[in-house]
Protein backbone atom coordinates (compact mmCIF):
# COMPACT_ATOMS: atom_id res chain seq x y z
CA MET A 1 -6.18 -12.21 -18.70
CA ASP A 2 -4.62 -15.00 -16.70
CA ARG A 3 -5.60 -16.40 -13.32
CA ASN A 4 -3.24 -14.07 -11.41
CA ASP A 5 -4.76 -11.03 -13.11
CA GLN A 6 -8.24 -12.24 -12.30
CA GLN A 7 -7.30 -12.84 -8.68
CA ALA A 8 -5.69 -9.38 -8.37
CA ILE A 9 -8.78 -7.70 -9.82
CA GLY A 10 -11.07 -9.75 -7.56
CA THR A 11 -9.01 -8.81 -4.50
CA LEU A 12 -9.12 -5.15 -5.49
CA PHE A 13 -12.91 -5.19 -5.67
CA GLU A 14 -13.16 -7.09 -2.38
CA LYS A 15 -11.10 -4.33 -0.76
CA LEU A 16 -13.26 -1.66 -2.37
CA ALA A 17 -16.41 -3.37 -1.05
CA LYS A 18 -14.89 -3.46 2.45
CA VAL A 19 -14.06 0.25 2.28
CA GLU A 20 -17.57 1.04 1.08
CA ARG A 21 -19.08 -0.83 4.04
CA GLN A 22 -16.77 0.83 6.58
CA THR A 23 -16.74 4.47 5.52
CA PRO A 24 -19.25 7.28 5.83
CA PRO A 25 -21.38 8.25 2.82
CA ARG A 26 -19.51 9.46 -0.22
CA ASP A 27 -19.26 13.16 -1.03
CA ALA A 28 -22.13 13.71 -3.50
CA GLU A 29 -20.39 16.50 -5.39
CA ALA A 30 -17.19 14.52 -5.81
CA GLU A 31 -19.14 11.45 -6.88
CA ARG A 32 -21.01 13.46 -9.55
CA PHE A 33 -17.74 14.88 -10.81
CA ILE A 34 -16.14 11.42 -10.99
CA ASN A 35 -19.18 10.01 -12.78
CA ASP A 36 -19.06 12.88 -15.29
CA GLN A 37 -15.37 12.15 -15.94
CA ILE A 38 -16.07 8.44 -16.41
CA ALA A 39 -18.92 9.24 -18.79
CA ARG A 40 -16.44 11.23 -20.90
CA GLN A 41 -13.76 8.57 -20.61
CA PRO A 42 -15.47 5.17 -20.24
CA GLY A 43 -12.18 3.25 -20.23
CA ALA A 44 -10.99 5.05 -17.10
CA PRO A 45 -12.11 2.39 -14.58
CA TYR A 46 -10.05 -0.23 -16.43
CA TYR A 47 -6.91 1.90 -16.28
CA MET A 48 -7.61 2.98 -12.71
CA ALA A 49 -7.92 -0.65 -11.58
CA GLN A 50 -4.74 -1.54 -13.45
CA THR A 51 -2.89 1.39 -11.85
CA ILE A 52 -4.08 0.51 -8.34
CA ILE A 53 -3.02 -3.13 -8.72
CA VAL A 54 0.43 -2.20 -10.04
CA GLN A 55 0.92 0.38 -7.29
CA GLU A 56 -0.05 -2.14 -4.63
CA GLN A 57 2.46 -4.64 -6.03
CA VAL A 58 5.18 -1.98 -6.04
CA LEU A 59 4.34 -0.95 -2.46
CA ASN A 60 4.44 -4.58 -1.31
CA ALA A 61 7.81 -5.10 -2.99
CA ALA A 62 9.16 -1.91 -1.42
CA GLN A 63 7.88 -2.97 2.00
CA SER A 64 9.59 -6.34 1.65
CA ARG A 65 12.83 -4.61 0.69
CA ILE A 66 12.58 -2.25 3.68
CA GLU A 67 11.99 -5.18 6.02
CA ASP A 68 15.00 -7.02 4.52
CA LEU A 69 17.21 -3.96 4.99
CA GLU A 70 15.97 -3.46 8.56
CA GLN A 71 16.76 -7.10 9.30
CA GLN A 72 20.24 -6.71 7.83
CA ALA A 73 20.79 -3.54 9.86
CA GLN A 74 19.74 -5.31 13.05
CA GLN A 75 22.08 -8.20 12.33
CA SER A 76 25.04 -5.97 11.57
CA ALA A 77 24.49 -3.49 14.45
CA GLY A 78 26.91 -3.88 17.30
CA GLY A 79 29.79 -6.32 17.36
CA GLY A 80 33.44 -5.66 16.78
CA LEU A 81 35.93 -3.76 18.89
CA LEU A 82 34.50 -0.34 18.01
CA GLY A 83 30.89 -1.48 17.55
CA GLY A 84 29.53 0.79 20.30
CA LEU A 85 31.58 3.83 19.35
CA PHE A 86 29.50 6.81 18.25
CA GLY A 87 26.28 4.89 18.68
CA GLY A 88 27.36 2.17 16.28
CA GLY A 89 26.21 -0.51 18.70
CA ALA A 90 22.67 0.82 18.94
CA ARG A 91 20.06 -1.59 17.74
CA VAL A 92 17.91 -0.54 14.83
CA ARG A 93 14.30 -1.00 15.83
CA SER A 94 12.03 -2.36 13.16
CA ARG A 95 8.70 -0.66 12.74
CA GLY A 96 7.20 -3.81 11.30
CA ARG A 97 4.61 -3.04 8.65
CA ALA A 98 4.87 0.22 6.73
CA HIS A 99 2.32 2.90 7.30
CA ARG A 100 -0.58 2.26 5.04
CA CYS A 101 -2.55 4.77 3.02
CA ARG A 102 -4.86 6.61 5.41
CA CYS A 103 -7.28 8.71 3.46
CA ALA A 104 -10.96 9.27 4.23
CA ALA A 105 -12.18 7.02 1.45
CA GLY A 106 -9.53 4.35 1.88
CA ALA A 107 -8.70 4.15 5.56
CA ALA A 108 -9.03 0.38 5.59
CA PHE A 109 -8.25 -0.21 1.93
CA TRP A 110 -4.76 -1.64 2.21
CA GLN A 111 -5.37 -3.71 5.29
C-alpha cells in the first residue's frame, strides 16, 4: 500500500464517519443481514472499500470529462454566419457539479 492508497482509504472512512453522524439510525434488520454476510465472507469489507474508492475515482474522472465537454460546447456555440440557425446559437448551460448519489444511508457521502 502506498501513500495515495492510504490517503484514499482514510478519506473513505472520514466520509463514512460523516454519514454516520448525519443520518438517522441504521435499519436493524439490514444491519444484521450485512453482519451475517460479512461473518461468512470476512474479506468483503476490503473489497467493498476498494470498489468504492475505484468507483469514486471513475465518477470524478467522468465529471471532469463532462465539465470539459460542456466548456467546449459553450465555446463553440454561436458564431459563424449560420450560428443561430435552428437553435445553433443557443448557449449550452452548464449544470456545474454532477448530481451526487442521494440514498438514505449516503445522502452526504460524496460531498
